[in-house]
Amino acid sequence: MNVSVEVVGEGTTEYDLPDDATYADLIREAGYHPQEASALVDGSPVPGDRVVDADEVRLLRLIKGGSAEGGPTNGDPAEGGPAEGGPANDA
């Protein structure tokens, strides 16, 4: 079955899935773990163990972001570092 998947804020991709694929399978096929994204059909969330029964699905990422470099490089709160009086200033 062909399914059009829109990852909210990131674009739309077509996937060809087996007829018995679940929404959790679809989320994995789109490159996400089922705990980091929810499938929406007609604006409502659907359970991951339900067999895909829609031609168009929206994926809403629940977890996004993080630093590829391991965090801020300085203590400036504007750069994501600790605020004054935070752990970096306790020494």
PDB file of N, CA and C in Angstrom:
ATOM      1  N   MET A   1       0.836  -1.168   0.000  1.00  0.00           N
ATOM      2  CA  MET A   1       0.000   0.000   0.000  1.00  0.00           C
ATOM      3  C   MET A   1       0.884   1.235   0.000  1.00  0.00           C
ATOM      4  N   ASN A   2       0.514   2.227  -0.779  1.00  0.00           N
ATOM      5  CA  ASN A   2       1.235   3.492  -0.839  1.00  0.00           C
ATOM      6  C   ASN A   2       0.620   4.474   0.146  1.00  0.00           C
ATOM      7  N   VAL A   3       1.486   5.105   0.947  1.00  0.00           N
ATOM      8  CA  VAL A   3       1.033   6.056   1.953  1.00  0.00           C
ATOM      9  C   VAL A   3       1.854   7.328   1.814  1.00  0.00           C
ATOM     10  N   SER A   4       1.170   8.458   1.800  1.00  0.00           N
ATOM     11  CA  SER A   4       1.820   9.758   1.790  1.00  0.00           C
ATOM     12  C   SER A   4       1.979  10.207   3.237  1.00  0.00           C
ATOM     13  N   VAL A   5       3.221  10.470   3.647  1.00  0.00           N
ATOM     14  CA  VAL A   5       3.506  10.828   5.034  1.00  0.00           C
ATOM     15  C   VAL A   5       4.090  12.235   5.080  1.00  0.00           C
ATOM     16  N   GLU A   6       3.400  13.109   5.796  1.00  0.00           N
ATOM     17  CA  GLU A   6       3.909  14.456   6.034  1.00  0.00           C
ATOM     18  C   GLU A   6       4.477  14.504   7.440  1.00  0.00           C
ATOM     19  N   VAL A   7       5.776  14.749   7.552  1.00  0.00           N
ATOM     20  CA  VAL A   7       6.374  15.003   8.856  1.00  0.00           C
ATOM     21  C   VAL A   7       6.196  16.500   9.085  1.00  0.00           C
ATOM     22  N   VAL A   8       5.410  16.852  10.091  1.00  0.00           N
ATOM     23  CA  VAL A   8       5.032  18.246  10.321  1.00  0.00           C
ATOM     24  C   VAL A   8       6.284  19.128  10.382  1.00  0.00           C
ATOM     25  N   GLY A   9       6.307  20.135   9.516  1.00  0.00           N
ATOM     26  CA  GLY A   9       7.409  21.082   9.470  1.00  0.00           C
ATOM     27  C   GLY A   9       8.623  20.619   8.692  1.00  0.00           C
ATOM     28  N   GLU A  10       8.569  19.417   8.111  1.00  0.00           N
ATOM     29  CA  GLU A  10       9.750  18.888   7.428  1.00  0.00           C
ATOM     30  C   GLU A  10       9.499  18.420   6.001  1.00  0.00           C
ATOM     31  N   GLY A  11       8.257  18.209   5.602  1.00  0.00           N
ATOM     32  CA  GLY A  11       7.999  17.784   4.236  1.00  0.00           C
ATOM     33  C   GLY A  11       7.234  16.481   4.144  1.00  0.00           C
ATOM     34  N   THR A  12       6.932  16.090   2.904  1.00  0.00           N
ATOM     35  CA  THR A  12       6.104  14.917   2.631  1.00  0.00           C
ATOM     36  C   THR A  12       6.882  13.908   1.794  1.00  0.00           C
ATOM     37  N   THR A  13       6.712  12.628   2.132  1.00  0.00           N
ATOM     38  CA  THR A  13       7.368  11.533   1.416  1.00  0.00           C
ATOM     39  C   THR A  13       6.360  10.414   1.212  1.00  0.00           C
ATOM     40  N   GLU A  14       6.487   9.698   0.105  1.00  0.00           N
ATOM     41  CA  GLU A  14       5.642   8.536  -0.178  1.00  0.00           C
ATOM     42  C   GLU A  14       6.361   7.265   0.273  1.00  0.00           C
ATOM     43  N   TYR A  15       5.614   6.355   0.903  1.00  0.00           N
ATOM     44  CA  TYR A  15       6.172   5.075   1.334  1.00  0.00           C
ATOM     45  C   TYR A  15       5.305   3.950   0.797  1.00  0.00           C
ATOM     46  N   ASP A  16       5.955   2.859   0.392  1.00  0.00           N
ATOM     47  CA  ASP A  16       5.261   1.654  -0.046  1.00  0.00           C
ATOM     48  C   ASP A  16       5.398   0.636   1.076  1.00  0.00           C
ATOM     49  N   LEU A  17       4.290   0.323   1.735  1.00  0.00           N
ATOM     50  CA  LEU A  17       4.297  -0.550   2.909  1.00  0.00           C
ATOM     51  C   LEU A  17       3.549  -1.842   2.639  1.00  0.00           C
ATOM     52  N   PRO A  18       3.897  -2.903   3.364  1.00  0.00           N
ATOM     53  CA  PRO A  18       3.100  -4.136   3.279  1.00  0.00           C
ATOM     54  C   PRO A  18       1.678  -3.863   3.772  1.00  0.00           C
ATOM     55  N   ASP A  19       0.726  -4.642   3.314  1.00  0.00           N
ATOM     56  CA  ASP A  19      -0.674  -4.428   3.687  1.00  0.00           C
ATOM     57  C   ASP A  19      -0.934  -4.586   5.181  1.00  0.00           C
ATOM     58  N   ASP A  20      -0.068  -5.333   5.878  1.00  0.00           N
ATOM     59  CA  ASP A  20      -0.276  -5.546   7.316  1.00  0.00           C
ATOM     60  C   ASP A  20       0.581  -4.621   8.185  1.00  0.00           C
ATOM     61  N   ALA A  21       1.181  -3.583   7.591  1.00  0.00           N
ATOM     62  CA  ALA A  21       2.034  -2.659   8.344  1.00  0.00           C
ATOM     63  C   ALA A  21       1.213  -1.863   9.350  1.00  0.00           C
ATOM     64  N   THR A  22       1.806  -1.647  10.524  1.00  0.00           N
ATOM     65  CA  THR A  22       1.150  -0.842  11.558  1.00  0.00           C
ATOM     66  C   THR A  22       1.662   0.597  11.477  1.00  0.00           C
ATOM     67  N   TYR A  23       1.011   1.474  12.248  1.00  0.00           N
ATOM     68  CA  TYR A  23       1.475   2.859  12.287  1.00  0.00           C
ATOM     69  C   TYR A  23       2.864   2.949  12.917  1.00  0.00           C
ATOM     70  N   ALA A  24       3.194   2.061  13.855  1.00  0.00           N
ATOM     71  CA  ALA A  24       4.554   2.023  14.410  1.00  0.00           C
ATOM     72  C   ALA A  24       5.554   1.650  13.316  1.00  0.00           C
ATOM     73  N   ASP A  25       5.188   0.705  12.447  1.00  0.00           N
ATOM     74  CA  ASP A  25       6.047   0.340  11.313  1.00  0.00           C
ATOM     75  C   ASP A  25       6.265   1.547  10.403  1.00  0.00           C
ATOM     76  N   LEU A  26       5.201   2.297  10.164  1.00  0.00           N
ATOM     77  CA  LEU A  26       5.278   3.479   9.305  1.00  0.00           C
ATOM     78  C   LEU A  26       6.205   4.525   9.919  1.00  0.00           C
ATOM     79  N   ILE A  27       6.085   4.740  11.217  1.00  0.00           N
ATOM     80  CA  ILE A  27       6.952   5.706  11.900  1.00  0.00           C
ATOM     81  C   ILE A  27       8.412   5.283  11.761  1.00  0.00           C
ATOM     82  N   ARG A  28       8.694   3.998  11.943  1.00  0.00           N
ATOM     83  CA  ARG A  28      10.067   3.491  11.779  1.00  0.00           C
ATOM     84  C   ARG A  28      10.550   3.673  10.338  1.00  0.00           C
ATOM     85  N   GLU A  29       9.676   3.379   9.383  1.00  0.00           N
ATOM     86  CA  GLU A  29      10.031   3.524   7.965  1.00  0.00           C
ATOM     87  C   GLU A  29      10.401   4.971   7.645  1.00  0.00           C
ATOM     88  N   ALA A  30       9.764   5.909   8.335  1.00  0.00           N
ATOM     89  CA  ALA A  30      10.058   7.330   8.127  1.00  0.00           C
ATOM     90  C   ALA A  30      11.340   7.763   8.841  1.00  0.00           C
ATOM     91  N   GLY A  31      11.933   6.842   9.615  1.00  0.00           N
ATOM     92  CA  GLY A  31      13.209   7.141  10.244  1.00  0.00           C
ATOM     93  C   GLY A  31      13.137   7.563  11.694  1.00  0.00           C
ATOM     94  N   TYR A  32      12.010   7.331  12.338  1.00  0.00           N
ATOM     95  CA  TYR A  32      11.835   7.726  13.733  1.00  0.00           C
ATOM     96  C   TYR A  32      11.473   6.519  14.589  1.00  0.00           C
ATOM     97  N   HIS A  33      11.676   6.652  15.879  1.00  0.00           N
ATOM     98  CA  HIS A  33      11.251   5.626  16.830  1.00  0.00           C
ATOM     99  C   HIS A  33       9.807   5.946  17.209  1.00  0.00           C
ATOM    100  N   PRO A  34       8.961   4.940  17.379  1.00  0.00           N
ATOM    101  CA  PRO A  34       7.556   5.202  17.720  1.00  0.00           C
ATOM    102  C   PRO A  34       7.356   6.028  18.993  1.00  0.00           C
ATOM    103  N   GLN A  35       8.358   6.089  19.868  1.00  0.00           N
ATOM    104  CA  GLN A  35       8.220   6.913  21.067  1.00  0.00           C
ATOM    105  C   GLN A  35       8.583   8.367  20.823  1.00  0.00           C
ATOM    106  N   GLU A  36       9.143   8.690  19.647  1.00  0.00           N
ATOM    107  CA  GLU A  36       9.500  10.074  19.383  1.00  0.00           C
ATOM    108  C   GLU A  36       8.589  10.750  18.359  1.00  0.00           C
ATOM    109  N   ALA A  37       7.583  10.032  17.862  1.00  0.00           N
ATOM    110  CA  ALA A  37       6.652  10.620  16.899  1.00  0.00           C
ATOM    111  C   ALA A  37       5.288   9.958  17.043  1.00  0.00           C
ATOM    112  N   SER A  38       4.252  10.729  16.747  1.00  0.00           N
ATOM    113  CA  SER A  38       2.883  10.197  16.749  1.00  0.00           C
ATOM    114  C   SER A  38       2.304  10.303  15.352  1.00  0.00           C
ATOM    115  N   ALA A  39       1.549   9.285  14.966  1.00  0.00           N
ATOM    116  CA  ALA A  39       0.858   9.299  13.680  1.00  0.00           C
ATOM    117  C   ALA A  39      -0.513   9.929  13.874  1.00  0.00           C
ATOM    118  N   LEU A  40      -0.864  10.836  12.964  1.00  0.00           N
ATOM    119  CA  LEU A  40      -2.164  11.497  12.992  1.00  0.00           C
ATOM    120  C   LEU A  40      -2.903  11.201  11.695  1.00  0.00           C
ATOM    121  N   VAL A  41      -4.160  10.810  11.822  1.00  0.00           N
ATOM    122  CA  VAL A  41      -5.024  10.597  10.663  1.00  0.00           C
ATOM    123  C   VAL A  41      -6.229  11.508  10.846  1.00  0.00           C
ATOM    124  N   ASP A  42      -6.476  12.351   9.867  1.00  0.00           N
ATOM    125  CA  ASP A  42      -7.554  13.341   9.953  1.00  0.00           C
ATOM    126  C   ASP A  42      -7.447  14.169  11.226  1.00  0.00           C
ATOM    127  N   GLY A  43      -6.202  14.470  11.635  1.00  0.00           N
ATOM    128  CA  GLY A  43      -5.960  15.323  12.790  1.00  0.00           C
ATOM    129  C   GLY A  43      -6.008  14.641  14.137  1.00  0.00           C
ATOM    130  N   SER A  44      -6.316  13.350  14.171  1.00  0.00           N
ATOM    131  CA  SER A  44      -6.404  12.625  15.442  1.00  0.00           C
ATOM    132  C   SER A  44      -5.298  11.579  15.536  1.00  0.00           C
ATOM    133  N   PRO A  45      -4.706  11.413  16.729  1.00  0.00           N
ATOM    134  CA  PRO A  45      -3.672  10.388  16.889  1.00  0.00           C
ATOM    135  C   PRO A  45      -4.245   8.986  16.766  1.00  0.00           C
ATOM    136  N   VAL A  46      -3.449   8.089  16.213  1.00  0.00           N
ATOM    137  CA  VAL A  46      -3.856   6.689  16.079  1.00  0.00           C
ATOM    138  C   VAL A  46      -2.846   5.820  16.820  1.00  0.00           C
ATOM    139  N   PRO A  47      -3.291   4.694  17.392  1.00  0.00           N
ATOM    140  CA  PRO A  47      -2.364   3.821  18.119  1.00  0.00           C
ATOM    141  C   PRO A  47      -1.341   3.178  17.187  1.00  0.00           C
ATOM    142  N   GLY A  48      -0.132   3.001  17.702  1.00  0.00           N
ATOM    143  CA  GLY A  48       0.946   2.434  16.907  1.00  0.00           C
ATOM    144  C   GLY A  48       0.703   1.013  16.459  1.00  0.00           C
ATOM    145  N   ASP A  49      -0.102   0.253  17.219  1.00  0.00           N
ATOM    146  CA  ASP A  49      -0.332  -1.151  16.856  1.00  0.00           C
ATOM    147  C   ASP A  49      -1.498  -1.339  15.887  1.00  0.00           C
ATOM    148  N   ARG A  50      -2.111  -0.248  15.472  1.00  0.00           N
ATOM    149  CA  ARG A  50      -3.212  -0.318  14.502  1.00  0.00           C
ATOM    150  C   ARG A  50      -2.642  -0.453  13.090  1.00  0.00           C
ATOM    151  N   VAL A  51      -3.266  -1.278  12.278  1.00  0.00           N
ATOM    152  CA  VAL A  51      -2.840  -1.454  10.887  1.00  0.00           C
ATOM    153  C   VAL A  51      -3.135  -0.170  10.112  1.00  0.00           C
ATOM    154  N   VAL A  52      -2.175   0.252   9.303  1.00  0.00           N
ATOM    155  CA  VAL A  52      -2.330   1.474   8.514  1.00  0.00           C
ATOM    156  C   VAL A  52      -3.533   1.321   7.592  1.00  0.00           C
ATOM    157  N   ASP A  53      -4.461   2.262   7.721  1.00  0.00           N
ATOM    158  CA  ASP A  53      -5.680   2.206   6.912  1.00  0.00           C
ATOM    159  C   ASP A  53      -5.976   3.545   6.237  1.00  0.00           C
ATOM    160  N   ALA A  54      -4.978   4.415   6.169  1.00  0.00           N
ATOM    161  CA  ALA A  54      -5.163   5.728   5.555  1.00  0.00           C
ATOM    162  C   ALA A  54      -4.127   5.926   4.456  1.00  0.00           C
ATOM    163  N   ASP A  55      -4.505   6.689   3.445  1.00  0.00           N
ATOM    164  CA  ASP A  55      -3.586   7.000   2.354  1.00  0.00           C
ATOM    165  C   ASP A  55      -2.687   8.186   2.685  1.00  0.00           C
ATOM    166  N   GLU A  56      -3.140   9.034   3.630  1.00  0.00           N
ATOM    167  CA  GLU A  56      -2.383  10.214   4.031  1.00  0.00           C
ATOM    168  C   GLU A  56      -2.262  10.240   5.545  1.00  0.00           C
ATOM    169  N   VAL A  57      -1.032  10.387   6.019  1.00  0.00           N
ATOM    170  CA  VAL A  57      -0.746  10.379   7.455  1.00  0.00           C
ATOM    171  C   VAL A  57       0.187  11.545   7.756  1.00  0.00           C
ATOM    172  N   ARG A  58      -0.045  12.188   8.886  1.00  0.00           N
ATOM    173  CA  ARG A  58       0.875  13.222   9.360  1.00  0.00           C
ATOM    174  C   ARG A  58       1.638  12.649  10.545  1.00  0.00           C
ATOM    175  N   LEU A  59       2.944  12.875  10.582  1.00  0.00           N
ATOM    176  CA  LEU A  59       3.753  12.485  11.728  1.00  0.00           C
ATOM    177  C   LEU A  59       4.129  13.742  12.492  1.00  0.00           C
ATOM    178  N   LEU A  60       3.825  13.726  13.767  1.00  0.00           N
ATOM    179  CA  LEU A  60       4.169  14.831  14.646  1.00  0.00           C
ATOM    180  C   LEU A  60       5.313  14.374  15.531  1.00  0.00           C
ATOM    181  N   ARG A  61       6.464  14.998  15.357  1.00  0.00           N
ATOM    182  CA  ARG A  61       7.622  14.635  16.183  1.00  0.00           C
ATOM    183  C   ARG A  61       7.419  15.171  17.586  1.00  0.00           C
ATOM    184  N   LEU A  62       7.556  14.289  18.565  1.00  0.00           N
ATOM    185  CA  LEU A  62       7.380  14.663  19.959  1.00  0.00           C
ATOM    186  C   LEU A  62       8.703  15.070  20.590  1.00  0.00           C
ATOM    187  N   ILE A  63       9.791  14.558  20.053  1.00  0.00           N
ATOM    188  CA  ILE A  63      11.127  14.842  20.563  1.00  0.00           C
ATOM    189  C   ILE A  63      11.949  15.355  19.393  1.00  0.00           C
ATOM    190  N   LYS A  64      12.548  16.516  19.576  1.00  0.00           N
ATOM    191  CA  LYS A  64      13.328  17.093  18.493  1.00  0.00           C
ATOM    192  C   LYS A  64      14.415  17.973  19.092  1.00  0.00           C
ATOM    193  N   GLY A  65      15.550  18.012  18.439  1.00  0.00           N
ATOM    194  CA  GLY A  65      16.600  18.913  18.879  1.00  0.00           C
ATOM    195  C   GLY A  65      17.753  18.184  19.514  1.00  0.00           C
ATOM    196  N   GLY A  66      18.487  18.931  20.319  1.00  0.00           N
ATOM    197  CA  GLY A  66      19.687  18.390  20.934  1.00  0.00           C
ATOM    198  C   GLY A  66      20.903  18.977  20.264  1.00  0.00           C
ATOM    199  N   SER A  67      22.025  18.769  20.866  1.00  0.00           N
ATOM    200  CA  SER A  67      23.264  19.317  20.347  1.00  0.00           C
ATOM    201  C   SER A  67      24.158  18.203  19.838  1.00  0.00           C
ATOM    202  N   ALA A  68      24.581  18.319  18.616  1.00  0.00           N
ATOM    203  CA  ALA A  68      25.486  17.331  18.037  1.00  0.00           C
ATOM    204  C   ALA A  68      26.890  17.479  18.603  1.00  0.00           C
ATOM    205  N   GLU A  69      27.202  18.631  19.165  1.00  0.00           N
ATOM    206  CA  GLU A  69      28.535  18.904  19.690  1.00  0.00           C
ATOM    207  C   GLU A  69      28.651  18.591  21.174  1.00  0.00           C
ATOM    208  N   GLY A  70      27.586  18.138  21.813  1.00  0.00           N
ATOM    209  CA  GLY A  70      27.672  17.783  23.218  1.00  0.00           C
ATOM    210  C   GLY A  70      27.344  18.915  24.161  1.00  0.00           C
ATOM    211  N   GLY A  71      26.837  20.017  23.671  1.00  0.00           N
ATOM    212  CA  GLY A  71      26.413  21.083  24.572  1.00  0.00           C
ATOM    213  C   GLY A  71      27.096  22.397  24.262  1.00  0.00           C
ATOM    214  N   PRO A  72      26.812  23.399  25.082  1.00  0.00           N
ATOM    215  CA  PRO A  72      27.364  24.730  24.848  1.00  0.00           C
ATOM    216  C   PRO A  72      28.875  24.745  25.081  1.00  0.00           C
ATOM    217  N   THR A  73      29.540  25.683  24.431  1.00  0.00           N
ATOM    218  CA  THR A  73      30.989  25.779  24.571  1.00  0.00           C
ATOM    219  C   THR A  73      31.391  26.798  25.612  1.00  0.00           C
ATOM    220  N   ASN A  74      30.433  27.570  26.140  1.00  0.00           N
ATOM    221  CA  ASN A  74      30.754  28.529  27.189  1.00  0.00           C
ATOM    222  C   ASN A  74      29.599  28.597  28.177  1.00  0.00           C
ATOM    223  N   GLY A  75      29.733  29.411  29.196  1.00  0.00           N
ATOM    224  CA  GLY A  75      28.711  29.499  30.227  1.00  0.00           C
ATOM    225  C   GLY A  75      27.657  30.542  29.965  1.00  0.00           C
ATOM    226  N   ASP A  76      27.609  31.117  28.780  1.00  0.00           N
ATOM    227  CA  ASP A  76      26.646  32.166  28.465  1.00  0.00           C
ATOM    228  C   ASP A  76      25.249  31.578  28.339  1.00  0.00           C
ATOM    229  N   PRO A  77      24.286  32.026  29.190  1.00  0.00           N
ATOM    230  CA  PRO A  77      22.920  31.496  29.084  1.00  0.00           C
ATOM    231  C   PRO A  77      22.310  31.688  27.700  1.00  0.00           C
ATOM    232  N   ALA A  78      22.705  32.767  26.995  1.00  0.00           N
ATOM    233  CA  ALA A  78      22.179  32.996  25.647  1.00  0.00           C
ATOM    234  C   ALA A  78      22.668  31.925  24.684  1.00  0.00           C
ATOM    235  N   GLU A  79      23.765  31.262  25.029  1.00  0.00           N
ATOM    236  CA  GLU A  79      24.311  30.197  24.197  1.00  0.00           C
ATOM    237  C   GLU A  79      23.901  28.821  24.699  1.00  0.00           C
ATOM    238  N   GLY A  80      22.995  28.777  25.675  1.00  0.00           N
ATOM    239  CA  GLY A  80      22.546  27.502  26.205  1.00  0.00           C
ATOM    240  C   GLY A  80      23.305  27.053  27.435  1.00  0.00           C
ATOM    241  N   GLY A  81      24.200  27.902  27.950  1.00  0.00           N
ATOM    242  CA  GLY A  81      24.961  27.570  29.148  1.00  0.00           C
ATOM    243  C   GLY A  81      24.141  27.846  30.395  1.00  0.00           C
ATOM    244  N   PRO A  82      24.704  27.548  31.562  1.00  0.00           N
ATOM    245  CA  PRO A  82      23.965  27.738  32.806  1.00  0.00           C
ATOM    246  C   PRO A  82      23.755  29.212  33.114  1.00  0.00           C
ATOM    247  N   ALA A  83      22.655  29.510  33.769  1.00  0.00           N
ATOM    248  CA  ALA A  83      22.374  30.867  34.209  1.00  0.00           C
ATOM    249  C   ALA A  83      23.272  31.190  35.391  1.00  0.00           C
ATOM    250  N   GLU A  84      23.399  32.465  35.707  1.00  0.00           N
ATOM    251  CA  GLU A  84      24.211  32.885  36.846  1.00  0.00           C
ATOM    252  C   GLU A  84      23.748  32.169  38.103  1.00  0.00           C
ATOM    253  N   GLY A  85      24.693  31.643  38.855  1.00  0.00           N
ATOM    254  CA  GLY A  85      24.345  30.891  40.051  1.00  0.00           C
ATOM    255  C   GLY A  85      24.068  29.426  39.759  1.00  0.00           C
ATOM    256  N   GLY A  86      24.177  29.022  38.474  1.00  0.00           N
ATOM    257  CA  GLY A  86      23.928  27.639  38.094  1.00  0.00           C
ATOM    258  C   GLY A  86      25.103  26.755  38.455  1.00  0.00           C
ATOM    259  N   PRO A  87      25.048  25.495  38.108  1.00  0.00           N
ATOM    260  CA  PRO A  87      26.078  24.523  38.486  1.00  0.00           C
ATOM    261  C   PRO A  87      27.491  24.915  38.076  1.00  0.00           C
ATOM    262  N   ALA A  88      27.666  25.583  36.958  1.00  0.00           N
ATOM    263  CA  ALA A  88      29.008  25.933  36.504  1.00  0.00           C
ATOM    264  C   ALA A  88      29.633  26.999  37.389  1.00  0.00           C
ATOM    265  N   ASN A  89      28.827  27.731  38.153  1.00  0.00           N
ATOM    266  CA  ASN A  89      29.337  28.804  38.993  1.00  0.00           C
ATOM    267  C   ASN A  89      29.460  28.400  40.450  1.00  0.00           C
ATOM    268  N   ASP A  90      29.216  27.152  40.788  1.00  0.00           N
ATOM    269  CA  ASP A  90      29.241  26.707  42.174  1.00  0.00           C
ATOM    270  C   ASP A  90      30.642  26.406  42.679  1.00  0.00           C
ATOM    271  N   ALA A  91      31.632  26.359  41.810  1.00  0.00           N
ATOM    272  CA  ALA A  91      32.987  25.956  42.210  1.00  0.00           C
ATOM    273  C   ALA A  91      33.694  26.999  43.029  1.00  0.00           C
TER     274      ALA A  91
END
